[in-house]
């Protein structure tokens, strides 16, 4: 699976496409799309405190998916904090976080981001 950035975010961050890619996609339920041209970008991704950065290639997409629910309050938030995991898309956050996905990290780069730390 490829990684995608919403076209409006790519534009607002002044990313310039490095190329164009023509792709057909196979979706769940054996649905295949027509071939579409996507702008290909190189972006820099970092964690909240900028102690980790990486560059990755993403394809521009007008809309990645519809709105998703934010993380509700609950006892799990203390556990995340205890393990140093910072979340920004909380239901009761004072941050104005867009509910629409703006960056979708695909299997093509997700492995670079995994820390190997597993908490049960």
PDB file of N, CA and C in Angstrom:
ATOM      1  N   UNK A   1       0.840  -1.179   0.000  1.00  0.00           N
ATOM      2  CA  UNK A   1       0.000   0.000   0.000  1.00  0.00           C
ATOM      3  C   UNK A   1       0.884   1.241   0.000  1.00  0.00           C
ATOM      4  N   UNK A   2       0.537   2.192  -0.796  1.00  0.00           N
ATOM      5  CA  UNK A   2       1.276   3.445  -0.901  1.00  0.00           C
ATOM      6  C   UNK A   2       0.865   4.408   0.216  1.00  0.00           C
ATOM      7  N   UNK A   3       1.669   5.443   0.383  1.00  0.00           N
ATOM      8  CA  UNK A   3       1.366   6.515   1.324  1.00  0.00           C
ATOM      9  C   UNK A   3       0.793   7.698   0.546  1.00  0.00           C
ATOM     10  N   UNK A   4      -0.117   8.431   1.195  1.00  0.00           N
ATOM     11  CA  UNK A   4      -0.814   9.533   0.527  1.00  0.00           C
ATOM     12  C   UNK A   4      -0.822  10.776   1.404  1.00  0.00           C
ATOM     13  N   UNK A   5      -0.839  11.940   0.760  1.00  0.00           N
ATOM     14  CA  UNK A   5      -1.024  13.221   1.437  1.00  0.00           C
ATOM     15  C   UNK A   5      -2.188  13.916   0.741  1.00  0.00           C
ATOM     16  N   UNK A   6      -3.015  14.610   1.510  1.00  0.00           N
ATOM     17  CA  UNK A   6      -4.113  15.331   0.868  1.00  0.00           C
ATOM     18  C   UNK A   6      -3.519  16.483   0.056  1.00  0.00           C
ATOM     19  N   UNK A   7      -4.069  16.697  -1.101  1.00  0.00           N
ATOM     20  CA  UNK A   7      -3.546  17.712  -2.021  1.00  0.00           C
ATOM     21  C   UNK A   7      -3.541  19.101  -1.400  1.00  0.00           C
ATOM     22  N   UNK A   8      -4.563  19.425  -0.587  1.00  0.00           N
ATOM     23  CA  UNK A   8      -4.613  20.752   0.033  1.00  0.00           C
ATOM     24  C   UNK A   8      -3.467  20.956   1.027  1.00  0.00           C
ATOM     25  N   UNK A   9      -3.095  19.917   1.748  1.00  0.00           N
ATOM     26  CA  UNK A   9      -1.978  20.029   2.696  1.00  0.00           C
ATOM     27  C   UNK A   9      -0.656  20.157   1.940  1.00  0.00           C
ATOM     28  N   UNK A  10      -0.473  19.351   0.897  1.00  0.00           N
ATOM     29  CA  UNK A  10       0.753  19.442   0.088  1.00  0.00           C
ATOM     30  C   UNK A  10       0.918  20.855  -0.454  1.00  0.00           C
ATOM     31  N   UNK A  11      -0.181  21.434  -0.911  1.00  0.00           N
ATOM     32  CA  UNK A  11      -0.141  22.789  -1.463  1.00  0.00           C
ATOM     33  C   UNK A  11       0.136  23.817  -0.364  1.00  0.00           C
ATOM     34  N   UNK A  12      -0.536  23.691   0.786  1.00  0.00           N
ATOM     35  CA  UNK A  12      -0.356  24.677   1.859  1.00  0.00           C
ATOM     36  C   UNK A  12       1.053  24.628   2.451  1.00  0.00           C
ATOM     37  N   UNK A  13       1.729  23.479   2.341  1.00  0.00           N
ATOM     38  CA  UNK A  13       3.098  23.351   2.849  1.00  0.00           C
ATOM     39  C   UNK A  13       4.138  23.603   1.756  1.00  0.00           C
ATOM     40  N   UNK A  14       3.646  24.054   0.600  1.00  0.00           N
ATOM     41  CA  UNK A  14       4.510  24.401  -0.537  1.00  0.00           C
ATOM     42  C   UNK A  14       5.369  23.248  -1.043  1.00  0.00           C
ATOM     43  N   UNK A  15       4.841  22.033  -0.957  1.00  0.00           N
ATOM     44  CA  UNK A  15       5.549  20.894  -1.541  1.00  0.00           C
ATOM     45  C   UNK A  15       5.384  20.931  -3.055  1.00  0.00           C
ATOM     46  N   UNK A  16       6.467  20.702  -3.760  1.00  0.00           N
ATOM     47  CA  UNK A  16       6.447  20.644  -5.218  1.00  0.00           C
ATOM     48  C   UNK A  16       6.508  19.179  -5.634  1.00  0.00           C
ATOM     49  N   UNK A  17       5.669  18.764  -6.575  1.00  0.00           N
ATOM     50  CA  UNK A  17       5.730  17.368  -7.017  1.00  0.00           C
ATOM     51  C   UNK A  17       7.071  17.066  -7.691  1.00  0.00           C
ATOM     52  N   UNK A  18       7.599  15.867  -7.420  1.00  0.00           N
ATOM     53  CA  UNK A  18       8.862  15.462  -8.049  1.00  0.00           C
ATOM     54  C   UNK A  18       8.600  14.690  -9.337  1.00  0.00           C
ATOM     55  N   UNK A  19       7.366  14.181  -9.476  1.00  0.00           N
ATOM     56  CA  UNK A  19       6.993  13.443 -10.687  1.00  0.00           C
ATOM     57  C   UNK A  19       5.488  13.212 -10.662  1.00  0.00           C
ATOM     58  N   UNK A  20       5.008  12.556 -11.698  1.00  0.00           N
ATOM     59  CA  UNK A  20       3.617  12.094 -11.725  1.00  0.00           C
ATOM     60  C   UNK A  20       3.632  10.595 -11.933  1.00  0.00           C
ATOM     61  N   UNK A  21       2.690   9.913 -11.294  1.00  0.00           N
ATOM     62  CA  UNK A  21       2.606   8.458 -11.356  1.00  0.00           C
ATOM     63  C   UNK A  21       1.211   8.075 -11.823  1.00  0.00           C
ATOM     64  N   UNK A  22       1.117   7.179 -12.776  1.00  0.00           N
ATOM     65  CA  UNK A  22      -0.178   6.661 -13.228  1.00  0.00           C
ATOM     66  C   UNK A  22      -0.422   5.316 -12.560  1.00  0.00           C
ATOM     67  N   UNK A  23      -1.557   5.203 -11.849  1.00  0.00           N
ATOM     68  CA  UNK A  23      -1.861   3.978 -11.105  1.00  0.00           C
ATOM     69  C   UNK A  23      -3.303   3.543 -11.293  1.00  0.00           C
ATOM     70  N   UNK A  24      -3.493   2.235 -11.338  1.00  0.00           N
ATOM     71  CA  UNK A  24      -4.797   1.603 -11.167  1.00  0.00           C
ATOM     72  C   UNK A  24      -4.776   1.032  -9.768  1.00  0.00           C
ATOM     73  N   UNK A  25      -5.889   1.087  -9.076  1.00  0.00           N
ATOM     74  CA  UNK A  25      -5.902   0.549  -7.725  1.00  0.00           C
ATOM     75  C   UNK A  25      -6.937  -0.551  -7.598  1.00  0.00           C
ATOM     76  N   UNK A  26      -6.569  -1.584  -6.853  1.00  0.00           N
ATOM     77  CA  UNK A  26      -7.502  -2.658  -6.526  1.00  0.00           C
ATOM     78  C   UNK A  26      -7.963  -2.435  -5.100  1.00  0.00           C
ATOM     79  N   UNK A  27      -9.266  -2.326  -4.915  1.00  0.00           N
ATOM     80  CA  UNK A  27      -9.837  -2.029  -3.609  1.00  0.00           C
ATOM     81  C   UNK A  27     -10.520  -3.262  -3.045  1.00  0.00           C
ATOM     82  N   UNK A  28     -10.976  -3.153  -1.805  1.00  0.00           N
ATOM     83  CA  UNK A  28     -11.706  -4.258  -1.193  1.00  0.00           C
ATOM     84  C   UNK A  28     -12.917  -4.606  -2.040  1.00  0.00           C
ATOM     85  N   UNK A  29     -13.272  -5.859  -2.059  1.00  0.00           N
ATOM     86  CA  UNK A  29     -14.425  -6.283  -2.827  1.00  0.00           C
ATOM     87  C   UNK A  29     -14.113  -6.436  -4.301  1.00  0.00           C
ATOM     88  N   UNK A  30     -12.833  -6.573  -4.635  1.00  0.00           N
ATOM     89  CA  UNK A  30     -12.380  -6.793  -6.014  1.00  0.00           C
ATOM     90  C   UNK A  30     -12.750  -5.647  -6.955  1.00  0.00           C
ATOM     91  N   UNK A  31     -12.863  -4.444  -6.411  1.00  0.00           N
ATOM     92  CA  UNK A  31     -13.151  -3.270  -7.236  1.00  0.00           C
ATOM     93  C   UNK A  31     -11.826  -2.725  -7.762  1.00  0.00           C
ATOM     94  N   UNK A  32     -11.764  -2.469  -9.049  1.00  0.00           N
ATOM     95  CA  UNK A  32     -10.559  -1.905  -9.647  1.00  0.00           C
ATOM     96  C   UNK A  32     -10.894  -0.544 -10.240  1.00  0.00           C
ATOM     97  N   UNK A  33     -10.048   0.433  -9.940  1.00  0.00           N
ATOM     98  CA  UNK A  33     -10.284   1.788 -10.449  1.00  0.00           C
ATOM     99  C   UNK A  33      -9.695   1.931 -11.850  1.00  0.00           C
ATOM    100  N   UNK A  34     -10.117   2.973 -12.538  1.00  0.00           N
ATOM    101  CA  UNK A  34      -9.470   3.337 -13.792  1.00  0.00           C
ATOM    102  C   UNK A  34      -8.085   3.888 -13.463  1.00  0.00           C
ATOM    103  N   UNK A  35      -7.221   3.933 -14.442  1.00  0.00           N
ATOM    104  CA  UNK A  35      -5.898   4.501 -14.229  1.00  0.00           C
ATOM    105  C   UNK A  35      -6.025   6.005 -13.991  1.00  0.00           C
ATOM    106  N   UNK A  36      -5.362   6.475 -12.939  1.00  0.00           N
ATOM    107  CA  UNK A  36      -5.414   7.881 -12.544  1.00  0.00           C
ATOM    108  C   UNK A  36      -3.985   8.394 -12.394  1.00  0.00           C
ATOM    109  N   UNK A  37      -3.772   9.661 -12.707  1.00  0.00           N
ATOM    110  CA  UNK A  37      -2.468  10.288 -12.552  1.00  0.00           C
ATOM    111  C   UNK A  37      -2.393  10.968 -11.181  1.00  0.00           C
ATOM    112  N   UNK A  38      -1.345  10.660 -10.423  1.00  0.00           N
ATOM    113  CA  UNK A  38      -1.132  11.233  -9.094  1.00  0.00           C
ATOM    114  C   UNK A  38       0.168  12.028  -9.089  1.00  0.00           C
ATOM    115  N   UNK A  39       0.175  13.143  -8.379  1.00  0.00           N
ATOM    116  CA  UNK A  39       1.420  13.880  -8.170  1.00  0.00           C
ATOM    117  C   UNK A  39       2.198  13.168  -7.071  1.00  0.00           C
ATOM    118  N   UNK A  40       3.488  13.026  -7.271  1.00  0.00           N
ATOM    119  CA  UNK A  40       4.362  12.336  -6.331  1.00  0.00           C
ATOM    120  C   UNK A  40       5.210  13.380  -5.603  1.00  0.00           C
ATOM    121  N   UNK A  41       5.204  13.344  -4.265  1.00  0.00           N
ATOM    122  CA  UNK A  41       5.928  14.320  -3.449  1.00  0.00           C
ATOM    123  C   UNK A  41       6.922  13.607  -2.537  1.00  0.00           C
ATOM    124  N   UNK A  42       7.964  14.318  -2.132  1.00  0.00           N
ATOM    125  CA  UNK A  42       8.824  13.881  -1.037  1.00  0.00           C
ATOM    126  C   UNK A  42       8.533  14.835   0.109  1.00  0.00           C
ATOM    127  N   UNK A  43       8.137  14.271   1.248  1.00  0.00           N
ATOM    128  CA  UNK A  43       7.823  15.106   2.414  1.00  0.00           C
ATOM    129  C   UNK A  43       8.720  14.709   3.575  1.00  0.00           C
ATOM    130  N   UNK A  44       8.832  15.606   4.543  1.00  0.00           N
ATOM    131  CA  UNK A  44       9.561  15.284   5.764  1.00  0.00           C
ATOM    132  C   UNK A  44       8.547  15.123   6.880  1.00  0.00           C
ATOM    133  N   UNK A  45       8.644  14.018   7.576  1.00  0.00           N
ATOM    134  CA  UNK A  45       7.741  13.686   8.669  1.00  0.00           C
ATOM    135  C   UNK A  45       8.549  13.700   9.957  1.00  0.00           C
ATOM    136  N   UNK A  46       7.976  14.250  11.028  1.00  0.00           N
ATOM    137  CA  UNK A  46       8.682  14.255  12.313  1.00  0.00           C
ATOM    138  C   UNK A  46       7.699  13.972  13.437  1.00  0.00           C
ATOM    139  N   UNK A  47       8.262  13.612  14.588  1.00  0.00           N
ATOM    140  CA  UNK A  47       7.405  13.457  15.759  1.00  0.00           C
ATOM    141  C   UNK A  47       7.144  14.840  16.356  1.00  0.00           C
ATOM    142  N   UNK A  48       6.358  14.888  17.418  1.00  0.00           N
ATOM    143  CA  UNK A  48       5.896  16.163  17.965  1.00  0.00           C
ATOM    144  C   UNK A  48       7.050  17.047  18.434  1.00  0.00           C
ATOM    145  N   UNK A  49       8.089  16.453  19.032  1.00  0.00           N
ATOM    146  CA  UNK A  49       9.196  17.269  19.544  1.00  0.00           C
ATOM    147  C   UNK A  49      10.395  17.344  18.586  1.00  0.00           C
ATOM    148  N   UNK A  50      10.212  16.886  17.355  1.00  0.00           N
ATOM    149  CA  UNK A  50      11.250  16.930  16.311  1.00  0.00           C
ATOM    150  C   UNK A  50      12.510  16.135  16.638  1.00  0.00           C
ATOM    151  N   UNK A  51      12.420  15.170  17.569  1.00  0.00           N
ATOM    152  CA  UNK A  51      13.600  14.354  17.879  1.00  0.00           C
ATOM    153  C   UNK A  51      13.776  13.224  16.866  1.00  0.00           C
ATOM    154  N   UNK A  52      12.776  12.997  16.036  1.00  0.00           N
ATOM    155  CA  UNK A  52      12.869  11.998  14.965  1.00  0.00           C
ATOM    156  C   UNK A  52      12.301  12.599  13.689  1.00  0.00           C
ATOM    157  N   UNK A  53      13.032  12.445  12.590  1.00  0.00           N
ATOM    158  CA  UNK A  53      12.567  12.924  11.287  1.00  0.00           C
ATOM    159  C   UNK A  53      12.894  11.886  10.231  1.00  0.00           C
ATOM    160  N   UNK A  54      12.045  11.807   9.217  1.00  0.00           N
ATOM    161  CA  UNK A  54      12.344  10.957   8.068  1.00  0.00           C
ATOM    162  C   UNK A  54      11.678  11.554   6.835  1.00  0.00           C
ATOM    163  N   UNK A  55      12.248  11.237   5.686  1.00  0.00           N
ATOM    164  CA  UNK A  55      11.668  11.684   4.420  1.00  0.00           C
ATOM    165  C   UNK A  55      10.985  10.494   3.776  1.00  0.00           C
ATOM    166  N   UNK A  56       9.847  10.749   3.140  1.00  0.00           N
ATOM    167  CA  UNK A  56       9.142   9.677   2.462  1.00  0.00           C
ATOM    168  C   UNK A  56       8.413  10.201   1.243  1.00  0.00           C
ATOM    169  N   UNK A  57       8.192   9.292   0.306  1.00  0.00           N
ATOM    170  CA  UNK A  57       7.445   9.637  -0.902  1.00  0.00           C
ATOM    171  C   UNK A  57       5.970   9.368  -0.669  1.00  0.00           C
ATOM    172  N   UNK A  58       5.146  10.316  -1.086  1.00  0.00           N
ATOM    173  CA  UNK A  58       3.696  10.187  -0.953  1.00  0.00           C
ATOM    174  C   UNK A  58       3.033  10.631  -2.247  1.00  0.00           C
ATOM    175  N   UNK A  59       1.839  10.149  -2.457  1.00  0.00           N
ATOM    176  CA  UNK A  59       1.056  10.545  -3.620  1.00  0.00           C
ATOM    177  C   UNK A  59      -0.013  11.533  -3.181  1.00  0.00           C
ATOM    178  N   UNK A  60      -0.232  12.569  -3.971  1.00  0.00           N
ATOM    179  CA  UNK A  60      -1.277  13.543  -3.674  1.00  0.00           C
ATOM    180  C   UNK A  60      -2.650  12.970  -3.980  1.00  0.00           C
ATOM    181  N   UNK A  61      -3.592  13.214  -3.086  1.00  0.00           N
ATOM    182  CA  UNK A  61      -4.958  12.706  -3.236  1.00  0.00           C
ATOM    183  C   UNK A  61      -5.907  13.800  -2.763  1.00  0.00           C
ATOM    184  N   UNK A  62      -6.944  14.107  -3.553  1.00  0.00           N
ATOM    185  CA  UNK A  62      -7.880  15.161  -3.144  1.00  0.00           C
ATOM    186  C   UNK A  62      -8.518  14.857  -1.797  1.00  0.00           C
ATOM    187  N   UNK A  63      -8.996  13.654  -1.607  1.00  0.00           N
ATOM    188  CA  UNK A  63      -9.585  13.256  -0.329  1.00  0.00           C
ATOM    189  C   UNK A  63      -9.170  11.828  -0.040  1.00  0.00           C
ATOM    190  N   UNK A  64      -8.542  11.616   1.105  1.00  0.00           N
ATOM    191  CA  UNK A  64      -8.045  10.281   1.445  1.00  0.00           C
ATOM    192  C   UNK A  64      -9.173   9.413   1.980  1.00  0.00           C
ATOM    193  N   UNK A  65      -9.912   9.921   2.944  1.00  0.00           N
ATOM    194  CA  UNK A  65     -11.112   9.224   3.430  1.00  0.00           C
ATOM    195  C   UNK A  65     -11.963  10.223   4.199  1.00  0.00           C
ATOM    196  N   UNK A  66     -13.174   9.819   4.535  1.00  0.00           N
ATOM    197  CA  UNK A  66     -14.073  10.733   5.236  1.00  0.00           C
ATOM    198  C   UNK A  66     -13.625  10.913   6.686  1.00  0.00           C
ATOM    199  N   UNK A  67     -14.357  11.730   7.406  1.00  0.00           N
ATOM    200  CA  UNK A  67     -14.010  12.020   8.798  1.00  0.00           C
ATOM    201  C   UNK A  67     -13.971  10.750   9.636  1.00  0.00           C
ATOM    202  N   UNK A  68     -13.056  10.739  10.608  1.00  0.00           N
ATOM    203  CA  UNK A  68     -12.979   9.620  11.542  1.00  0.00           C
ATOM    204  C   UNK A  68     -13.200  10.159  12.953  1.00  0.00           C
ATOM    205  N   UNK A  69     -13.645   9.284  13.829  1.00  0.00           N
ATOM    206  CA  UNK A  69     -13.878   9.695  15.215  1.00  0.00           C
ATOM    207  C   UNK A  69     -12.550   9.931  15.909  1.00  0.00           C
ATOM    208  N   UNK A  70     -12.545  10.901  16.800  1.00  0.00           N
ATOM    209  CA  UNK A  70     -11.350  11.158  17.593  1.00  0.00           C
ATOM    210  C   UNK A  70     -11.340  10.220  18.797  1.00  0.00           C
ATOM    211  N   UNK A  71     -10.187  10.108  19.446  1.00  0.00           N
ATOM    212  CA  UNK A  71     -10.015   9.180  20.560  1.00  0.00           C
ATOM    213  C   UNK A  71     -10.784   9.700  21.771  1.00  0.00           C
ATOM    214  N   UNK A  72     -11.716   8.888  22.315  1.00  0.00           N
ATOM    215  CA  UNK A  72     -12.486   9.336  23.480  1.00  0.00           C
ATOM    216  C   UNK A  72     -11.652   9.269  24.760  1.00  0.00           C
ATOM    217  N   UNK A  73     -12.082  10.024  25.766  1.00  0.00           N
ATOM    218  CA  UNK A  73     -11.420   9.980  27.068  1.00  0.00           C
ATOM    219  C   UNK A  73     -11.649   8.622  27.703  1.00  0.00           C
ATOM    220  N   UNK A  74     -10.689   8.194  28.490  1.00  0.00           N
ATOM    221  CA  UNK A  74     -10.804   6.917  29.182  1.00  0.00           C
ATOM    222  C   UNK A  74      -9.502   6.588  29.888  1.00  0.00           C
ATOM    223  N   UNK A  75      -9.488   5.485  30.648  1.00  0.00           N
ATOM    224  CA  UNK A  75      -8.294   5.118  31.423  1.00  0.00           C
ATOM    225  C   UNK A  75      -7.077   4.817  30.548  1.00  0.00           C
ATOM    226  N   UNK A  76      -7.288   4.496  29.280  1.00  0.00           N
ATOM    227  CA  UNK A  76      -6.180   4.182  28.375  1.00  0.00           C
ATOM    228  C   UNK A  76      -5.286   5.391  28.117  1.00  0.00           C
ATOM    229  N   UNK A  77      -5.824   6.602  28.292  1.00  0.00           N
ATOM    230  CA  UNK A  77      -5.019   7.799  28.057  1.00  0.00           C
ATOM    231  C   UNK A  77      -3.861   7.900  29.056  1.00  0.00           C
ATOM    232  N   UNK A  78      -4.100   7.491  30.312  1.00  0.00           N
ATOM    233  CA  UNK A  78      -3.031   7.488  31.318  1.00  0.00           C
ATOM    234  C   UNK A  78      -1.943   6.496  30.928  1.00  0.00           C
ATOM    235  N   UNK A  79      -2.362   5.363  30.392  1.00  0.00           N
ATOM    236  CA  UNK A  79      -1.399   4.338  29.984  1.00  0.00           C
ATOM    237  C   UNK A  79      -0.542   4.827  28.812  1.00  0.00           C
ATOM    238  N   UNK A  80      -1.164   5.487  27.846  1.00  0.00           N
ATOM    239  CA  UNK A  80      -0.394   6.056  26.740  1.00  0.00           C
ATOM    240  C   UNK A  80       0.649   7.032  27.284  1.00  0.00           C
ATOM    241  N   UNK A  81       0.214   7.918  28.179  1.00  0.00           N
ATOM    242  CA  UNK A  81       1.100   8.930  28.744  1.00  0.00           C
ATOM    243  C   UNK A  81       2.246   8.278  29.513  1.00  0.00           C
ATOM    244  N   UNK A  82       1.938   7.227  30.281  1.00  0.00           N
ATOM    245  CA  UNK A  82       2.938   6.515  31.068  1.00  0.00           C
ATOM    246  C   UNK A  82       4.051   5.952  30.171  1.00  0.00           C
ATOM    247  N   UNK A  83       3.704   5.566  28.945  1.00  0.00           N
ATOM    248  CA  UNK A  83       4.677   4.994  28.009  1.00  0.00           C
ATOM    249  C   UNK A  83       5.273   6.047  27.069  1.00  0.00           C
ATOM    250  N   UNK A  84       4.974   7.322  27.330  1.00  0.00           N
ATOM    251  CA  UNK A  84       5.552   8.396  26.527  1.00  0.00           C
ATOM    252  C   UNK A  84       4.926   8.551  25.151  1.00  0.00           C
ATOM    253  N   UNK A  85       3.711   8.030  24.980  1.00  0.00           N
ATOM    254  CA  UNK A  85       3.015   8.134  23.695  1.00  0.00           C
ATOM    255  C   UNK A  85       2.156   9.394  23.716  1.00  0.00           C
ATOM    256  N   UNK A  86       2.420  10.297  22.777  1.00  0.00           N
ATOM    257  CA  UNK A  86       1.684  11.562  22.707  1.00  0.00           C
ATOM    258  C   UNK A  86       0.611  11.467  21.633  1.00  0.00           C
ATOM    259  N   UNK A  87      -0.607  11.786  22.007  1.00  0.00           N
ATOM    260  CA  UNK A  87      -1.732  11.756  21.075  1.00  0.00           C
ATOM    261  C   UNK A  87      -2.239  13.177  20.859  1.00  0.00           C
ATOM    262  N   UNK A  88      -2.602  13.495  19.627  1.00  0.00           N
ATOM    263  CA  UNK A  88      -3.097  14.842  19.345  1.00  0.00           C
ATOM    264  C   UNK A  88      -4.550  14.854  18.904  1.00  0.00           C
ATOM    265  N   UNK A  89      -5.079  13.722  18.525  1.00  0.00           N
ATOM    266  CA  UNK A  89      -6.454  13.695  18.003  1.00  0.00           C
ATOM    267  C   UNK A  89      -7.438  13.170  19.050  1.00  0.00           C
ATOM    268  N   UNK A  90      -7.438  13.845  20.201  1.00  0.00           N
ATOM    269  CA  UNK A  90      -8.314  13.471  21.305  1.00  0.00           C
ATOM    270  C   UNK A  90      -9.656  14.176  21.197  1.00  0.00           C
ATOM    271  N   UNK A  91     -10.683  13.483  21.639  1.00  0.00           N
ATOM    272  CA  UNK A  91     -12.044  14.012  21.587  1.00  0.00           C
ATOM    273  C   UNK A  91     -12.176  15.330  22.349  1.00  0.00           C
ATOM    274  N   UNK A  92     -11.550  15.414  23.522  1.00  0.00           N
ATOM    275  CA  UNK A  92     -11.677  16.603  24.373  1.00  0.00           C
ATOM    276  C   UNK A  92     -10.466  17.522  24.281  1.00  0.00           C
ATOM    277  N   UNK A  93      -9.732  17.462  23.193  1.00  0.00           N
ATOM    278  CA  UNK A  93      -8.522  18.265  23.037  1.00  0.00           C
ATOM    279  C   UNK A  93      -8.870  19.733  22.807  1.00  0.00           C
ATOM    280  N   UNK A  94      -8.007  20.609  23.312  1.00  0.00           N
ATOM    281  CA  UNK A  94      -8.169  22.038  23.038  1.00  0.00           C
ATOM    282  C   UNK A  94      -7.576  22.392  21.672  1.00  0.00           C
ATOM    283  N   UNK A  95      -6.800  21.456  21.097  1.00  0.00           N
ATOM    284  CA  UNK A  95      -6.262  21.662  19.747  1.00  0.00           C
ATOM    285  C   UNK A  95      -7.391  21.522  18.740  1.00  0.00           C
ATOM    286  N   UNK A  96      -7.348  22.318  17.718  1.00  0.00           N
ATOM    287  CA  UNK A  96      -8.333  22.200  16.637  1.00  0.00           C
ATOM    288  C   UNK A  96      -7.763  21.238  15.595  1.00  0.00           C
ATOM    289  N   UNK A  97      -8.062  19.958  15.753  1.00  0.00           N
ATOM    290  CA  UNK A  97      -7.537  18.925  14.866  1.00  0.00           C
ATOM    291  C   UNK A  97      -8.609  18.555  13.850  1.00  0.00           C
ATOM    292  N   UNK A  98      -8.242  18.574  12.588  1.00  0.00           N
ATOM    293  CA  UNK A  98      -9.156  18.202  11.509  1.00  0.00           C
ATOM    294  C   UNK A  98      -9.518  16.725  11.643  1.00  0.00           C
ATOM    295  N   UNK A  99     -10.780  16.394  11.489  1.00  0.00           N
ATOM    296  CA  UNK A  99     -11.219  15.006  11.616  1.00  0.00           C
ATOM    297  C   UNK A  99     -11.009  14.205  10.334  1.00  0.00           C
ATOM    298  N   UNK A 100     -10.581  14.874   9.288  1.00  0.00           N
ATOM    299  CA  UNK A 100     -10.343  14.191   8.024  1.00  0.00           C
ATOM    300  C   UNK A 100      -8.871  13.768   7.955  1.00  0.00           C
ATOM    301  N   UNK A 101      -8.614  12.585   7.429  1.00  0.00           N
ATOM    302  CA  UNK A 101      -7.245  12.088   7.289  1.00  0.00           C
ATOM    303  C   UNK A 101      -6.504  12.965   6.280  1.00  0.00           C
ATOM    304  N   UNK A 102      -5.364  13.484   6.672  1.00  0.00           N
ATOM    305  CA  UNK A 102      -4.567  14.340   5.791  1.00  0.00           C
ATOM    306  C   UNK A 102      -3.281  13.660   5.338  1.00  0.00           C
ATOM    307  N   UNK A 103      -2.837  12.640   6.076  1.00  0.00           N
ATOM    308  CA  UNK A 103      -1.662  11.861   5.704  1.00  0.00           C
ATOM    309  C   UNK A 103      -1.943  10.409   6.040  1.00  0.00           C
ATOM    310  N   UNK A 104      -1.841   9.558   5.056  1.00  0.00           N
ATOM    311  CA  UNK A 104      -2.047   8.119   5.254  1.00  0.00           C
ATOM    312  C   UNK A 104      -0.714   7.437   5.019  1.00  0.00           C
ATOM    313  N   UNK A 105      -0.171   6.853   6.083  1.00  0.00           N
ATOM    314  CA  UNK A 105       1.116   6.173   5.976  1.00  0.00           C
ATOM    315  C   UNK A 105       0.851   4.727   5.589  1.00  0.00           C
ATOM    316  N   UNK A 106       1.368   4.341   4.454  1.00  0.00           N
ATOM    317  CA  UNK A 106       1.152   2.998   3.932  1.00  0.00           C
ATOM    318  C   UNK A 106       2.224   2.023   4.379  1.00  0.00           C
ATOM    319  N   UNK A 107       2.019   0.771   4.021  1.00  0.00           N
ATOM    320  CA  UNK A 107       2.968  -0.283   4.352  1.00  0.00           C
ATOM    321  C   UNK A 107       4.330  -0.025   3.721  1.00  0.00           C
ATOM    322  N   UNK A 108       4.358   0.816   2.684  1.00  0.00           N
ATOM    323  CA  UNK A 108       5.630   1.110   2.023  1.00  0.00           C
ATOM    324  C   UNK A 108       6.615   1.835   2.934  1.00  0.00           C
ATOM    325  N   UNK A 109       6.140   2.522   3.975  1.00  0.00           N
ATOM    326  CA  UNK A 109       7.047   3.224   4.896  1.00  0.00           C
ATOM    327  C   UNK A 109       6.755   2.947   6.367  1.00  0.00           C
ATOM    328  N   UNK A 110       5.658   2.309   6.690  1.00  0.00           N
ATOM    329  CA  UNK A 110       5.273   2.116   8.092  1.00  0.00           C
ATOM    330  C   UNK A 110       6.355   1.398   8.895  1.00  0.00           C
ATOM    331  N   UNK A 111       7.025   0.445   8.289  1.00  0.00           N
ATOM    332  CA  UNK A 111       8.068  -0.302   8.992  1.00  0.00           C
ATOM    333  C   UNK A 111       9.196   0.578   9.499  1.00  0.00           C
ATOM    334  N   UNK A 112       9.482   1.687   8.803  1.00  0.00           N
ATOM    335  CA  UNK A 112      10.527   2.607   9.255  1.00  0.00           C
ATOM    336  C   UNK A 112      10.124   3.310  10.546  1.00  0.00           C
ATOM    337  N   UNK A 113       8.834   3.374  10.807  1.00  0.00           N
ATOM    338  CA  UNK A 113       8.351   4.130  11.960  1.00  0.00           C
ATOM    339  C   UNK A 113       8.122   3.270  13.198  1.00  0.00           C
ATOM    340  N   UNK A 114       8.058   1.961  13.032  1.00  0.00           N
ATOM    341  CA  UNK A 114       7.821   1.082  14.174  1.00  0.00           C
ATOM    342  C   UNK A 114       9.049   1.064  15.080  1.00  0.00           C
ATOM    343  N   UNK A 115       8.811   1.143  16.377  1.00  0.00           N
ATOM    344  CA  UNK A 115       9.912   1.182  17.333  1.00  0.00           C
ATOM    345  C   UNK A 115      10.304  -0.203  17.823  1.00  0.00           C
ATOM    346  N   UNK A 116       9.422  -1.168  17.685  1.00  0.00           N
ATOM    347  CA  UNK A 116       9.688  -2.499  18.222  1.00  0.00           C
ATOM    348  C   UNK A 116       9.197  -2.640  19.649  1.00  0.00           C
ATOM    349  N   UNK A 117       8.770  -1.536  20.256  1.00  0.00           N
ATOM    350  CA  UNK A 117       8.246  -1.587  21.624  1.00  0.00           C
ATOM    351  C   UNK A 117       6.786  -2.005  21.564  1.00  0.00           C
ATOM    352  N   UNK A 118       6.458  -3.058  22.305  1.00  0.00           N
ATOM    353  CA  UNK A 118       5.080  -3.546  22.345  1.00  0.00           C
ATOM    354  C   UNK A 118       4.630  -3.553  23.800  1.00  0.00           C
ATOM    355  N   UNK A 119       3.498  -2.929  24.069  1.00  0.00           N
ATOM    356  CA  UNK A 119       2.954  -2.873  25.421  1.00  0.00           C
ATOM    357  C   UNK A 119       1.651  -3.646  25.459  1.00  0.00           C
ATOM    358  N   UNK A 120       1.532  -4.532  26.428  1.00  0.00           N
ATOM    359  CA  UNK A 120       0.298  -5.313  26.592  1.00  0.00           C
ATOM    360  C   UNK A 120      -0.438  -4.880  27.833  1.00  0.00           C
TER     361      UNK A 120
END
